[in-house]
Amino acid sequence: MDMKVPVTLRAILQRINRKLADDDKRLKKTRERRWLHALGPFYVLNVDRNRVEQTHVDPVELARALGVMTAWEEVVSDENTAALHTREV
């Protein structure tokens, strides 16, 4: 039985941004709906040049490509991880 370690998307985003910081880049989430079609849900921004470097980024694929997410980890929603840490009394 292969057990995967749960990791939140927030943790993955932080890992990615720490890795990208060396190149003055940052993974950003598209906030405004009008930009969603052009940028996708996530995009990579070069903060030094204030230029979009990559659009329609899948954070999990990027994390694996950068080596900040291992094969035995899986992304879970924040609600699922909250349930893992609560105990019934």
C-alpha atoms as a PDB file:
ATOM      1  CA  MET A   1       0.000   0.000   0.000  1.00  0.00           C
ATOM      2  CA  ASP A   2       1.501   3.296  -1.100  1.00  0.00           C
ATOM      3  CA  MET A   3       0.835   6.024   1.422  1.00  0.00           C
ATOM      4  CA  LYS A   4       1.290   9.556   0.172  1.00  0.00           C
ATOM      5  CA  VAL A   5       2.180  12.425   2.456  1.00  0.00           C
ATOM      6  CA  PRO A   6      -0.469  15.171   2.321  1.00  0.00           C
ATOM      7  CA  VAL A   7       0.809  18.651   1.485  1.00  0.00           C
ATOM      8  CA  THR A   8      -1.338  21.759   1.109  1.00  0.00           C
ATOM      9  CA  LEU A   9      -1.304  23.864  -2.020  1.00  0.00           C
ATOM     10  CA  ARG A  10      -0.219  26.796   0.128  1.00  0.00           C
ATOM     11  CA  ALA A  11       2.891  24.884   1.235  1.00  0.00           C
ATOM     12  CA  ILE A  12       3.688  23.983  -2.379  1.00  0.00           C
ATOM     13  CA  LEU A  13       3.320  27.620  -3.456  1.00  0.00           C
ATOM     14  CA  GLN A  14       5.719  28.698  -0.705  1.00  0.00           C
ATOM     15  CA  ARG A  15       8.282  26.089  -1.737  1.00  0.00           C
ATOM     16  CA  ILE A  16       8.030  27.164  -5.380  1.00  0.00           C
ATOM     17  CA  ASN A  17       8.431  30.841  -4.543  1.00  0.00           C
ATOM     18  CA  ARG A  18      11.481  30.174  -2.366  1.00  0.00           C
ATOM     19  CA  LYS A  19      13.058  28.320  -5.287  1.00  0.00           C
ATOM     20  CA  LEU A  20      12.085  30.960  -7.875  1.00  0.00           C
ATOM     21  CA  ALA A  21      13.320  33.835  -5.683  1.00  0.00           C
ATOM     22  CA  ASP A  22      16.917  33.087  -6.723  1.00  0.00           C
ATOM     23  CA  ASP A  23      15.976  34.110 -10.280  1.00  0.00           C
ATOM     24  CA  ASP A  24      13.866  37.122  -9.184  1.00  0.00           C
ATOM     25  CA  LYS A  25      10.686  35.288 -10.161  1.00  0.00           C
ATOM     26  CA  ARG A  26       7.465  34.583  -8.306  1.00  0.00           C
ATOM     27  CA  LEU A  27       4.465  32.322  -8.865  1.00  0.00           C
ATOM     28  CA  LYS A  28       1.327  34.411  -8.596  1.00  0.00           C
ATOM     29  CA  LYS A  29      -2.344  33.529  -8.457  1.00  0.00           C
ATOM     30  CA  THR A  30      -4.599  35.432 -10.841  1.00  0.00           C
ATOM     31  CA  ARG A  31      -6.921  37.554  -8.723  1.00  0.00           C
ATOM     32  CA  GLU A  32      -9.088  39.323 -11.261  1.00  0.00           C
ATOM     33  CA  ARG A  33     -11.494  37.318 -13.359  1.00  0.00           C
ATOM     34  CA  ARG A  34     -10.860  39.410 -16.474  1.00  0.00           C
ATOM     35  CA  TRP A  35      -7.228  38.209 -16.567  1.00  0.00           C
ATOM     36  CA  LEU A  36      -8.045  34.538 -16.023  1.00  0.00           C
ATOM     37  CA  HIS A  37      -8.312  33.753 -19.741  1.00  0.00           C
ATOM     38  CA  ALA A  38      -4.987  35.381 -20.616  1.00  0.00           C
ATOM     39  CA  LEU A  39      -2.931  34.284 -17.601  1.00  0.00           C
ATOM     40  CA  GLY A  40      -4.652  31.153 -16.313  1.00  0.00           C
ATOM     41  CA  PRO A  41      -5.153  30.488 -12.600  1.00  0.00           C
ATOM     42  CA  PHE A  42      -1.395  30.800 -11.906  1.00  0.00           C
ATOM     43  CA  TYR A  43       1.437  32.586 -13.707  1.00  0.00           C
ATOM     44  CA  VAL A  44       5.156  33.257 -13.193  1.00  0.00           C
ATOM     45  CA  LEU A  45       6.181  36.904 -12.857  1.00  0.00           C
ATOM     46  CA  ASN A  46       9.709  38.234 -13.196  1.00  0.00           C
ATOM     47  CA  VAL A  47       9.659  40.779 -10.363  1.00  0.00           C
ATOM     48  CA  ASP A  48      12.900  42.451 -11.475  1.00  0.00           C
ATOM     49  CA  ARG A  49      11.504  43.290 -14.911  1.00  0.00           C
ATOM     50  CA  ASN A  50       7.818  43.298 -13.914  1.00  0.00           C
ATOM     51  CA  ARG A  51       7.100  40.944 -16.810  1.00  0.00           C
ATOM     52  CA  VAL A  52       4.992  37.802 -17.053  1.00  0.00           C
ATOM     53  CA  GLU A  53       7.354  34.931 -17.884  1.00  0.00           C
ATOM     54  CA  GLN A  54       4.931  31.991 -18.013  1.00  0.00           C
ATOM     55  CA  THR A  55       1.140  31.673 -18.137  1.00  0.00           C
ATOM     56  CA  HIS A  56      -1.317  28.863 -17.356  1.00  0.00           C
ATOM     57  CA  VAL A  57       1.061  27.266 -14.842  1.00  0.00           C
ATOM     58  CA  ASP A  58       0.107  24.083 -13.005  1.00  0.00           C
ATOM     59  CA  PRO A  59       1.683  24.497  -9.532  1.00  0.00           C
ATOM     60  CA  VAL A  60       2.045  20.740  -8.961  1.00  0.00           C
ATOM     61  CA  GLU A  61       3.815  20.182 -12.287  1.00  0.00           C
ATOM     62  CA  LEU A  62       6.064  23.188 -11.671  1.00  0.00           C
ATOM     63  CA  ALA A  63       6.874  21.978  -8.149  1.00  0.00           C
ATOM     64  CA  ARG A  64       7.877  18.563  -9.457  1.00  0.00           C
ATOM     65  CA  ALA A  65       9.941  20.116 -12.278  1.00  0.00           C
ATOM     66  CA  LEU A  66      11.766  22.364  -9.796  1.00  0.00           C
ATOM     67  CA  GLY A  67      12.357  19.447  -7.441  1.00  0.00           C
ATOM     68  CA  VAL A  68      10.468  20.956  -4.503  1.00  0.00           C
ATOM     69  CA  MET A  69       7.793  18.236  -4.421  1.00  0.00           C
ATOM     70  CA  THR A  70       8.628  14.562  -4.167  1.00  0.00           C
ATOM     71  CA  ALA A  71       6.853  11.558  -5.657  1.00  0.00           C
ATOM     72  CA  TRP A  72       5.486  10.469  -2.267  1.00  0.00           C
ATOM     73  CA  GLU A  73       3.689  13.795  -1.667  1.00  0.00           C
ATOM     74  CA  GLU A  74       0.204  14.739  -2.863  1.00  0.00           C
ATOM     75  CA  VAL A  75      -1.615  18.032  -2.724  1.00  0.00           C
ATOM     76  CA  VAL A  76      -4.716  18.086  -0.564  1.00  0.00           C
ATOM     77  CA  SER A  77      -7.158  20.874   0.176  1.00  0.00           C
ATOM     78  CA  ASP A  78      -6.802  22.872   3.377  1.00  0.00           C
ATOM     79  CA  GLU A  79     -10.082  21.428   4.648  1.00  0.00           C
ATOM     80  CA  ASN A  80      -8.706  17.880   4.387  1.00  0.00           C
ATOM     81  CA  THR A  81      -5.552  18.713   6.321  1.00  0.00           C
ATOM     82  CA  ALA A  82      -7.564  20.416   9.047  1.00  0.00           C
ATOM     83  CA  ALA A  83      -9.444  17.153   9.542  1.00  0.00           C
ATOM     84  CA  LEU A  84      -6.136  15.285   9.876  1.00  0.00           C
ATOM     85  CA  HIS A  85      -5.016  17.508  12.733  1.00  0.00           C
ATOM     86  CA  THR A  86      -8.210  17.561  14.774  1.00  0.00           C
ATOM     87  CA  ARG A  87      -8.984  14.966  17.399  1.00  0.00           C
ATOM     88  CA  GLU A  88     -12.392  13.921  18.576  1.00  0.00           C
ATOM     89  CA  VAL A  89     -12.828  14.185  22.318  1.00  0.00           C
END
